[in-house]
PDB file of N, CA and C in Angstrom:
ATOM      1  N   MET A   1     -13.334   2.843  -3.998  1.00  0.00           N
ATOM      2  CA  MET A   1     -12.240   3.020  -5.394  1.00  0.00           C
ATOM      3  C   MET A   1     -12.422   4.617  -5.980  1.00  0.00           C
ATOM      4  N   THR A   2     -13.242   4.829  -5.170  1.00  0.00           N
ATOM      5  CA  THR A   2     -13.276   6.706  -5.331  1.00  0.00           C
ATOM      6  C   THR A   2     -12.748   7.153  -4.349  1.00  0.00           C
ATOM      7  N   ALA A   3     -12.061   6.969  -3.265  1.00  0.00           N
ATOM      8  CA  ALA A   3     -11.363   7.701  -2.182  1.00  0.00           C
ATOM      9  C   ALA A   3     -10.358   8.466  -2.722  1.00  0.00           C
ATOM     10  N   CYS A   4      -9.937   7.987  -3.436  1.00  0.00           N
ATOM     11  CA  CYS A   4      -8.285   9.234  -3.877  1.00  0.00           C
ATOM     12  C   CYS A   4      -9.086   9.781  -4.735  1.00  0.00           C
ATOM     13  N   ALA A   5      -8.120  11.097  -4.392  1.00  0.00           N
ATOM     14  CA  ALA A   5      -8.044  12.525  -5.235  1.00  0.00           C
ATOM     15  C   ALA A   5      -7.822  12.058  -6.700  1.00  0.00           C
ATOM     16  N   ALA A   6      -8.313  13.213  -7.570  1.00  0.00           N
ATOM     17  CA  ALA A   6      -8.492  13.263  -8.756  1.00  0.00           C
ATOM     18  C   ALA A   6      -6.973  12.947  -9.472  1.00  0.00           C
ATOM     19  N   GLY A   7      -6.434  11.934 -10.293  1.00  0.00           N
ATOM     20  CA  GLY A   7      -4.990  12.168 -10.894  1.00  0.00           C
ATOM     21  C   GLY A   7      -4.724  11.184  -9.858  1.00  0.00           C
ATOM     22  N   TYR A   8      -4.800  10.363  -8.457  1.00  0.00           N
ATOM     23  CA  TYR A   8      -4.354   9.299  -7.804  1.00  0.00           C
ATOM     24  C   TYR A   8      -4.882   7.946  -7.653  1.00  0.00           C
ATOM     25  N   HIS A   9      -4.293   6.572  -7.694  1.00  0.00           N
ATOM     26  CA  HIS A   9      -5.027   5.615  -7.516  1.00  0.00           C
ATOM     27  C   HIS A   9      -4.377   4.647  -6.138  1.00  0.00           C
ATOM     28  N   MET A  10      -5.255   3.467  -5.751  1.00  0.00           N
ATOM     29  CA  MET A  10      -4.130   2.996  -4.789  1.00  0.00           C
ATOM     30  C   MET A  10      -3.763   1.692  -5.635  1.00  0.00           C
ATOM     31  N   ALA A  11      -2.185   1.975  -5.522  1.00  0.00           N
ATOM     32  CA  ALA A  11      -1.252   1.239  -5.653  1.00  0.00           C
ATOM     33  C   ALA A  11      -1.524  -0.204  -5.941  1.00  0.00           C
ATOM     34  N   SER A  12      -0.743  -0.790  -7.039  1.00  0.00           N
ATOM     35  CA  SER A  12      -1.189  -2.710  -6.825  1.00  0.00           C
ATOM     36  C   SER A  12       0.174  -3.054  -6.448  1.00  0.00           C
ATOM     37  N   LEU A  13       0.294  -4.282  -5.767  1.00  0.00           N
ATOM     38  CA  LEU A  13       1.842  -4.513  -5.346  1.00  0.00           C
ATOM     39  C   LEU A  13       3.206  -4.460  -6.295  1.00  0.00           C
ATOM     40  N   TRP A  14       2.097  -4.520  -7.872  1.00  0.00           N
ATOM     41  CA  TRP A  14       3.117  -4.977  -9.129  1.00  0.00           C
ATOM     42  C   TRP A  14       3.695  -3.567  -9.580  1.00  0.00           C
ATOM     43  N   GLU A  15       2.916  -2.126  -9.052  1.00  0.00           N
ATOM     44  CA  GLU A  15       3.370  -1.104  -9.102  1.00  0.00           C
ATOM     45  C   GLU A  15       4.294  -0.828  -8.246  1.00  0.00           C
ATOM     46  N   ILE A  16       4.489  -0.935  -6.928  1.00  0.00           N
ATOM     47  CA  ILE A  16       4.960  -0.529  -6.156  1.00  0.00           C
ATOM     48  C   ILE A  16       6.225  -1.487  -5.895  1.00  0.00           C
ATOM     49  N   HIS A  17       6.662  -2.045  -6.901  1.00  0.00           N
ATOM     50  CA  HIS A  17       8.083  -2.633  -6.979  1.00  0.00           C
ATOM     51  C   HIS A  17       9.336  -2.182  -6.864  1.00  0.00           C
ATOM     52  N   ASP A  18       8.750  -0.688  -7.932  1.00  0.00           N
ATOM     53  CA  ASP A  18       9.463   0.361  -7.516  1.00  0.00           C
ATOM     54  C   ASP A  18       8.987   1.589  -7.581  1.00  0.00           C
ATOM     55  N   PRO A  19       9.439   1.658  -6.156  1.00  0.00           N
ATOM     56  CA  PRO A  19       8.593   2.915  -5.690  1.00  0.00           C
ATOM     57  C   PRO A  19       8.500   4.015  -5.989  1.00  0.00           C
ATOM     58  N   SER A  20       9.878   4.035  -6.978  1.00  0.00           N
ATOM     59  CA  SER A  20      10.498   5.649  -7.425  1.00  0.00           C
ATOM     60  C   SER A  20       9.517   6.560  -8.427  1.00  0.00           C
ATOM     61  N   ASN A  21       8.941   5.598  -9.062  1.00  0.00           N
ATOM     62  CA  ASN A  21       7.985   5.720 -10.303  1.00  0.00           C
ATOM     63  C   ASN A  21       6.412   6.750  -9.597  1.00  0.00           C
ATOM     64  N   LEU A  22       6.180   6.161  -8.224  1.00  0.00           N
ATOM     65  CA  LEU A  22       5.133   6.602  -8.022  1.00  0.00           C
ATOM     66  C   LEU A  22       5.056   8.022  -7.512  1.00  0.00           C
ATOM     67  N   ARG A  23       3.750   8.892  -7.046  1.00  0.00           N
ATOM     68  CA  ARG A  23       3.442   9.913  -6.609  1.00  0.00           C
ATOM     69  C   ARG A  23       2.901   9.936  -5.682  1.00  0.00           C
ATOM     70  N   TYR A  24       3.001  10.385  -4.477  1.00  0.00           N
ATOM     71  CA  TYR A  24       2.102  10.562  -3.019  1.00  0.00           C
ATOM     72  C   TYR A  24       1.621  11.849  -2.603  1.00  0.00           C
ATOM     73  N   ASP A  25       0.145  11.773  -2.364  1.00  0.00           N
ATOM     74  CA  ASP A  25      -0.254  13.103  -2.464  1.00  0.00           C
ATOM     75  C   ASP A  25      -0.166  13.581  -0.787  1.00  0.00           C
ATOM     76  N   THR A  26       1.360  13.869  -0.800  1.00  0.00           N
ATOM     77  CA  THR A  26       1.469  14.563   1.011  1.00  0.00           C
ATOM     78  C   THR A  26       0.065  15.647   1.415  1.00  0.00           C
ATOM     79  N   ALA A  27      -0.597  16.202   0.892  1.00  0.00           N
ATOM     80  CA  ALA A  27      -1.632  17.136   1.040  1.00  0.00           C
ATOM     81  C   ALA A  27      -2.507  16.227   1.884  1.00  0.00           C
ATOM     82  N   LEU A  28      -3.112  14.936   1.238  1.00  0.00           N
ATOM     83  CA  LEU A  28      -4.375  14.587   2.104  1.00  0.00           C
ATOM     84  C   LEU A  28      -3.510  12.708   2.527  1.00  0.00           C
ATOM     85  N   GLY A  29      -2.614  12.647   2.120  1.00  0.00           N
ATOM     86  CA  GLY A  29      -2.279  11.109   2.372  1.00  0.00           C
ATOM     87  C   GLY A  29      -1.286  11.739   3.931  1.00  0.00           C
ATOM     88  N   GLN A  30      -1.443  10.676   4.723  1.00  0.00           N
ATOM     89  CA  GLN A  30      -0.823  10.663   6.182  1.00  0.00           C
ATOM     90  C   GLN A  30       0.832  10.631   5.494  1.00  0.00           C
ATOM     91  N   THR A  31       1.682  11.535   6.600  1.00  0.00           N
ATOM     92  CA  THR A  31       2.781  11.820   6.650  1.00  0.00           C
ATOM     93  C   THR A  31       3.472  11.863   8.214  1.00  0.00           C
ATOM     94  N   LEU A  32       4.779  11.490   8.023  1.00  0.00           N
ATOM     95  CA  LEU A  32       5.286  11.865   9.508  1.00  0.00           C
ATOM     96  C   LEU A  32       6.546  13.041   9.475  1.00  0.00           C
ATOM     97  N   GLU A  33       7.720  12.901  10.620  1.00  0.00           N
ATOM     98  CA  GLU A  33       7.937  14.073  10.305  1.00  0.00           C
ATOM     99  C   GLU A  33       9.369  13.931   8.819  1.00  0.00           C
ATOM    100  N   ASP A  34       9.939  12.966   8.990  1.00  0.00           N
ATOM    101  CA  ASP A  34      10.855  12.655   7.613  1.00  0.00           C
ATOM    102  C   ASP A  34      10.159  12.054   6.134  1.00  0.00           C
ATOM    103  N   SER A  35       8.891  12.130   6.196  1.00  0.00           N
ATOM    104  CA  SER A  35       8.588  11.708   5.097  1.00  0.00           C
ATOM    105  C   SER A  35       8.916  12.233   3.577  1.00  0.00           C
ATOM    106  N   GLY A  36       9.319  13.753   3.595  1.00  0.00           N
ATOM    107  CA  GLY A  36       9.540  14.205   2.236  1.00  0.00           C
ATOM    108  C   GLY A  36       8.352  13.660   0.801  1.00  0.00           C
ATOM    109  N   PHE A  37       8.763  13.573   0.196  1.00  0.00           N
ATOM    110  CA  PHE A  37       7.971  13.360  -1.105  1.00  0.00           C
ATOM    111  C   PHE A  37       6.937  12.160  -1.200  1.00  0.00           C
ATOM    112  N   GLY A  38       7.426  11.087  -0.324  1.00  0.00           N
ATOM    113  CA  GLY A  38       6.595  10.054  -0.493  1.00  0.00           C
ATOM    114  C   GLY A  38       6.100   9.198   0.645  1.00  0.00           C
ATOM    115  N   PRO A  39       5.804   8.657   0.486  1.00  0.00           N
ATOM    116  CA  PRO A  39       4.701   8.264   1.731  1.00  0.00           C
ATOM    117  C   PRO A  39       5.423   7.916   2.939  1.00  0.00           C
ATOM    118  N   PRO A  40       4.877   7.667   3.903  1.00  0.00           N
ATOM    119  CA  PRO A  40       5.762   7.532   5.054  1.00  0.00           C
ATOM    120  C   PRO A  40       5.672   6.065   5.733  1.00  0.00           C
ATOM    121  N   ALA A  41       6.429   5.724   5.900  1.00  0.00           N
ATOM    122  CA  ALA A  41       7.127   4.239   6.502  1.00  0.00           C
ATOM    123  C   ALA A  41       6.343   3.706   7.008  1.00  0.00           C
ATOM    124  N   LEU A  42       5.120   3.597   6.769  1.00  0.00           N
ATOM    125  CA  LEU A  42       3.945   2.493   7.511  1.00  0.00           C
ATOM    126  C   LEU A  42       2.949   2.055   6.816  1.00  0.00           C
ATOM    127  N   PRO A  43       2.734   0.800   7.491  1.00  0.00           N
ATOM    128  CA  PRO A  43       1.842  -0.104   6.148  1.00  0.00           C
ATOM    129  C   PRO A  43       0.476   1.128   5.737  1.00  0.00           C
ATOM    130  N   GLY A  44       0.487   0.482   4.401  1.00  0.00           N
ATOM    131  CA  GLY A  44      -0.917   1.334   3.796  1.00  0.00           C
ATOM    132  C   GLY A  44      -1.365  -0.075   2.634  1.00  0.00           C
ATOM    133  N   ALA A  45      -2.655   0.170   2.309  1.00  0.00           N
ATOM    134  CA  ALA A  45      -3.390  -0.782   1.667  1.00  0.00           C
ATOM    135  C   ALA A  45      -2.908  -0.770   0.392  1.00  0.00           C
ATOM    136  N   VAL A  46      -2.738  -1.977  -0.153  1.00  0.00           N
ATOM    137  CA  VAL A  46      -2.217  -2.311  -1.649  1.00  0.00           C
ATOM    138  C   VAL A  46      -3.724  -3.195  -2.695  1.00  0.00           C
ATOM    139  N   ARG A  47      -3.684  -2.862  -3.575  1.00  0.00           N
ATOM    140  CA  ARG A  47      -4.373  -3.637  -4.393  1.00  0.00           C
ATOM    141  C   ARG A  47      -3.663  -4.963  -4.665  1.00  0.00           C
ATOM    142  N   THR A  48      -4.636  -5.875  -4.768  1.00  0.00           N
ATOM    143  CA  THR A  48      -3.708  -7.603  -5.150  1.00  0.00           C
ATOM    144  C   THR A  48      -3.720  -8.060  -6.460  1.00  0.00           C
ATOM    145  N   GLY A  49      -4.850  -7.246  -6.932  1.00  0.00           N
ATOM    146  CA  GLY A  49      -5.024  -7.465  -8.729  1.00  0.00           C
ATOM    147  C   GLY A  49      -6.175  -9.180  -8.806  1.00  0.00           C
ATOM    148  N   GLY A  50      -6.085  -9.453  -7.538  1.00  0.00           N
ATOM    149  CA  GLY A  50      -7.091 -10.930  -7.785  1.00  0.00           C
ATOM    150  C   GLY A  50      -8.317 -11.016  -7.375  1.00  0.00           C
ATOM    151  N   ASN A  51      -9.066 -11.704  -7.504  1.00  0.00           N
ATOM    152  CA  ASN A  51     -10.387 -12.177  -7.627  1.00  0.00           C
ATOM    153  C   ASN A  51     -11.198 -11.235  -5.730  1.00  0.00           C
ATOM    154  N   ALA A  52     -12.062 -10.783  -5.921  1.00  0.00           N
ATOM    155  CA  ALA A  52     -12.800 -10.603  -4.959  1.00  0.00           C
ATOM    156  C   ALA A  52     -12.600 -11.561  -3.369  1.00  0.00           C
ATOM    157  N   ALA A  53     -12.275 -11.210  -2.278  1.00  0.00           N
ATOM    158  CA  ALA A  53     -11.548 -11.534  -1.418  1.00  0.00           C
ATOM    159  C   ALA A  53     -11.942 -10.800   0.234  1.00  0.00           C
ATOM    160  N   GLY A  54     -12.194 -11.543   0.890  1.00  0.00           N
ATOM    161  CA  GLY A  54     -12.238 -10.613   2.203  1.00  0.00           C
ATOM    162  C   GLY A  54     -11.486 -11.625   3.475  1.00  0.00           C
ATOM    163  N   THR A  55     -11.538 -12.876   3.892  1.00  0.00           N
ATOM    164  CA  THR A  55     -10.874 -13.384   4.484  1.00  0.00           C
ATOM    165  C   THR A  55      -9.855 -14.769   3.843  1.00  0.00           C
ATOM    166  N   PHE A  56      -9.789 -15.075   2.820  1.00  0.00           N
ATOM    167  CA  PHE A  56      -9.088 -15.696   2.185  1.00  0.00           C
ATOM    168  C   PHE A  56      -8.176 -15.436   0.844  1.00  0.00           C
ATOM    169  N   GLY A  57      -7.001 -16.534   0.090  1.00  0.00           N
ATOM    170  CA  GLY A  57      -7.132 -15.897  -1.015  1.00  0.00           C
ATOM    171  C   GLY A  57      -5.907 -14.501  -0.887  1.00  0.00           C
ATOM    172  N   GLU A  58      -6.768 -14.073  -1.609  1.00  0.00           N
ATOM    173  CA  GLU A  58      -5.737 -12.685  -2.045  1.00  0.00           C
ATOM    174  C   GLU A  58      -7.047 -11.578  -1.385  1.00  0.00           C
ATOM    175  N   PRO A  59      -6.739 -11.629   0.293  1.00  0.00           N
ATOM    176  CA  PRO A  59      -7.550 -10.280   1.121  1.00  0.00           C
ATOM    177  C   PRO A  59      -7.135  -8.955   0.195  1.00  0.00           C
ATOM    178  N   ASN A  60      -8.999  -8.602  -0.367  1.00  0.00           N
ATOM    179  CA  ASN A  60      -8.558  -6.939  -0.155  1.00  0.00           C
ATOM    180  C   ASN A  60     -10.144  -6.508  -0.344  1.00  0.00           C
ATOM    181  N   CYS A  61     -10.682  -6.837   0.925  1.00  0.00           N
ATOM    182  CA  CYS A  61     -12.263  -5.739   1.415  1.00  0.00           C
ATOM    183  C   CYS A  61     -12.877  -6.330   0.197  1.00  0.00           C
ATOM    184  N   ASN A  62     -12.994  -7.241  -1.061  1.00  0.00           N
ATOM    185  CA  ASN A  62     -13.597  -7.600  -1.930  1.00  0.00           C
ATOM    186  C   ASN A  62     -14.080  -6.636  -2.802  1.00  0.00           C
ATOM    187  N   VAL A  63     -12.618  -6.693  -3.138  1.00  0.00           N
ATOM    188  CA  VAL A  63     -12.456  -5.375  -4.051  1.00  0.00           C
ATOM    189  C   VAL A  63     -12.403  -4.101  -3.436  1.00  0.00           C
ATOM    190  N   TRP A  64     -12.117  -3.897  -2.177  1.00  0.00           N
ATOM    191  CA  TRP A  64     -12.101  -2.578  -1.696  1.00  0.00           C
ATOM    192  C   TRP A  64     -13.259  -1.823  -1.577  1.00  0.00           C
ATOM    193  N   THR A  65     -14.716  -2.589  -1.818  1.00  0.00           N
ATOM    194  CA  THR A  65     -16.228  -2.218  -1.511  1.00  0.00           C
ATOM    195  C   THR A  65     -16.665  -2.016  -0.149  1.00  0.00           C
ATOM    196  N   SER A  66     -15.909  -2.967   0.697  1.00  0.00           N
ATOM    197  CA  SER A  66     -16.367  -3.163   1.868  1.00  0.00           C
ATOM    198  C   SER A  66     -15.710  -2.499   3.092  1.00  0.00           C
ATOM    199  N   ASP A  67     -16.401  -1.939   3.975  1.00  0.00           N
ATOM    200  CA  ASP A  67     -15.485  -1.221   5.056  1.00  0.00           C
ATOM    201  C   ASP A  67     -16.024  -1.539   6.950  1.00  0.00           C
ATOM    202  N   SER A  68     -16.565  -3.542   6.084  1.00  0.00           N
ATOM    203  CA  SER A  68     -16.897  -4.191   7.409  1.00  0.00           C
ATOM    204  C   SER A  68     -15.645  -4.780   8.106  1.00  0.00           C
ATOM    205  N   ASN A  69     -15.547  -4.874   9.515  1.00  0.00           N
ATOM    206  CA  ASN A  69     -14.242  -4.988  10.439  1.00  0.00           C
ATOM    207  C   ASN A  69     -14.269  -6.763  10.075  1.00  0.00           C
ATOM    208  N   SER A  70     -15.076  -7.635   9.697  1.00  0.00           N
ATOM    209  CA  SER A  70     -15.260  -8.740   9.316  1.00  0.00           C
ATOM    210  C   SER A  70     -14.304  -8.918   7.880  1.00  0.00           C
ATOM    211  N   GLU A  71     -14.044  -7.969   6.914  1.00  0.00           N
ATOM    212  CA  GLU A  71     -13.868  -8.037   5.818  1.00  0.00           C
ATOM    213  C   GLU A  71     -11.877  -7.618   6.322  1.00  0.00           C
ATOM    214  N   ILE A  72     -10.679  -8.455   5.470  1.00  0.00           N
ATOM    215  CA  ILE A  72      -9.659  -7.603   5.701  1.00  0.00           C
ATOM    216  C   ILE A  72      -9.305  -7.615   4.250  1.00  0.00           C
ATOM    217  N   GLY A  73      -8.187  -6.705   4.396  1.00  0.00           N
ATOM    218  CA  GLY A  73      -7.404  -6.094   2.891  1.00  0.00           C
ATOM    219  C   GLY A  73      -5.700  -6.651   2.936  1.00  0.00           C
ATOM    220  N   THR A  74      -4.648  -6.201   2.244  1.00  0.00           N
ATOM    221  CA  THR A  74      -3.691  -6.587   2.061  1.00  0.00           C
ATOM    222  C   THR A  74      -3.051  -5.068   2.688  1.00  0.00           C
ATOM    223  N   LEU A  75      -2.092  -5.192   3.519  1.00  0.00           N
ATOM    224  CA  LEU A  75      -0.940  -4.018   3.765  1.00  0.00           C
ATOM    225  C   LEU A  75       0.364  -4.297   3.378  1.00  0.00           C
ATOM    226  N   ALA A  76       1.088  -3.439   3.099  1.00  0.00           N
ATOM    227  CA  ALA A  76       2.431  -3.642   2.369  1.00  0.00           C
ATOM    228  C   ALA A  76       3.308  -2.076   2.986  1.00  0.00           C
ATOM    229  N   THR A  77       4.536  -2.790   3.486  1.00  0.00           N
ATOM    230  CA  THR A  77       5.577  -1.245   3.711  1.00  0.00           C
ATOM    231  C   THR A  77       6.448  -1.536   3.345  1.00  0.00           C
ATOM    232  N   LEU A  78       7.119  -0.848   2.800  1.00  0.00           N
ATOM    233  CA  LEU A  78       8.982  -1.024   3.128  1.00  0.00           C
ATOM    234  C   LEU A  78       9.623  -1.571   4.597  1.00  0.00           C
ATOM    235  N   ASP A  79      10.204  -2.242   4.529  1.00  0.00           N
ATOM    236  CA  ASP A  79      11.440  -3.107   6.406  1.00  0.00           C
ATOM    237  C   ASP A  79      12.254  -1.913   6.408  1.00  0.00           C
ATOM    238  N   PHE A  80      12.325  -1.745   7.934  1.00  0.00           N
ATOM    239  CA  PHE A  80      12.820  -0.435   8.589  1.00  0.00           C
ATOM    240  C   PHE A  80      14.313  -0.953   8.991  1.00  0.00           C
ATOM    241  N   ASP A  81      14.435  -2.452   8.732  1.00  0.00           N
ATOM    242  CA  ASP A  81      15.987  -2.312   9.055  1.00  0.00           C
ATOM    243  C   ASP A  81      16.950  -2.862   8.290  1.00  0.00           C
ATOM    244  N   TRP A  82      17.451  -1.785   7.995  1.00  0.00           N
ATOM    245  CA  TRP A  82      18.441  -1.383   6.367  1.00  0.00           C
ATOM    246  C   TRP A  82      19.711  -2.422   6.510  1.00  0.00           C
ATOM    247  N   ASN A  83      20.012  -2.550   7.600  1.00  0.00           N
ATOM    248  CA  ASN A  83      21.224  -3.480   7.981  1.00  0.00           C
ATOM    249  C   ASN A  83      21.338  -4.607   8.000  1.00  0.00           C
ATOM    250  N   ASP A  84      20.090  -5.592   7.525  1.00  0.00           N
ATOM    251  CA  ASP A  84      19.849  -7.268   7.700  1.00  0.00           C
ATOM    252  C   ASP A  84      20.033  -7.277   5.768  1.00  0.00           C
ATOM    253  N   ASP A  85      21.237  -7.816   5.508  1.00  0.00           N
ATOM    254  CA  ASP A  85      21.335  -8.717   4.569  1.00  0.00           C
ATOM    255  C   ASP A  85      20.442  -9.102   4.024  1.00  0.00           C
ATOM    256  N   ALA A  86      19.706  -9.835   4.256  1.00  0.00           N
ATOM    257  CA  ALA A  86      18.637 -10.854   3.771  1.00  0.00           C
ATOM    258  C   ALA A  86      17.364 -10.440   3.223  1.00  0.00           C
ATOM    259  N   ARG A  87      17.037  -8.850   3.443  1.00  0.00           N
ATOM    260  CA  ARG A  87      16.137  -8.056   3.118  1.00  0.00           C
ATOM    261  C   ARG A  87      16.443  -7.023   1.966  1.00  0.00           C
ATOM    262  N   ARG A  88      17.750  -6.959   1.645  1.00  0.00           N
ATOM    263  CA  ARG A  88      18.139  -5.477   0.779  1.00  0.00           C
ATOM    264  C   ARG A  88      17.566  -6.359  -0.736  1.00  0.00           C
ATOM    265  N   VAL A  89      17.372  -7.045  -1.053  1.00  0.00           N
ATOM    266  CA  VAL A  89      16.937  -7.538  -2.742  1.00  0.00           C
ATOM    267  C   VAL A  89      14.880  -7.339  -2.476  1.00  0.00           C
ATOM    268  N   SER A  90      14.730  -7.992  -0.936  1.00  0.00           N
ATOM    269  CA  SER A  90      13.415  -8.233  -1.273  1.00  0.00           C
ATOM    270  C   SER A  90      12.828  -6.868  -0.070  1.00  0.00           C
ATOM    271  N   PRO A  91      12.597  -6.156  -0.677  1.00  0.00           N
ATOM    272  CA  PRO A  91      12.256  -4.712   0.833  1.00  0.00           C
ATOM    273  C   PRO A  91      10.925  -4.904   1.349  1.00  0.00           C
ATOM    274  N   TRP A  92       9.864  -5.762   0.737  1.00  0.00           N
ATOM    275  CA  TRP A  92       8.503  -5.503   1.107  1.00  0.00           C
ATOM    276  C   TRP A  92       8.416  -7.015   1.928  1.00  0.00           C
TER     277      TRP A  92
END
């Protein structure tokens, strides 16, 4: 939980429902050729807001305290298919 630069934190899924309110650290974070001021269109780790878990329930690498390959975290990304009508309301 201390891996982020001062003034930044790993967003929870609830915070990123409206990504227009987020600030992304392009100096330290990953960027792609067309990233602009926001994050790249790649999966990123998100906080679940749930209990510590690593392999079931709400996976979050035991509240982001483990870097073990046997622990899992939750990733999210915006959908790349802008032409799919079914996904326009729910982008995650």
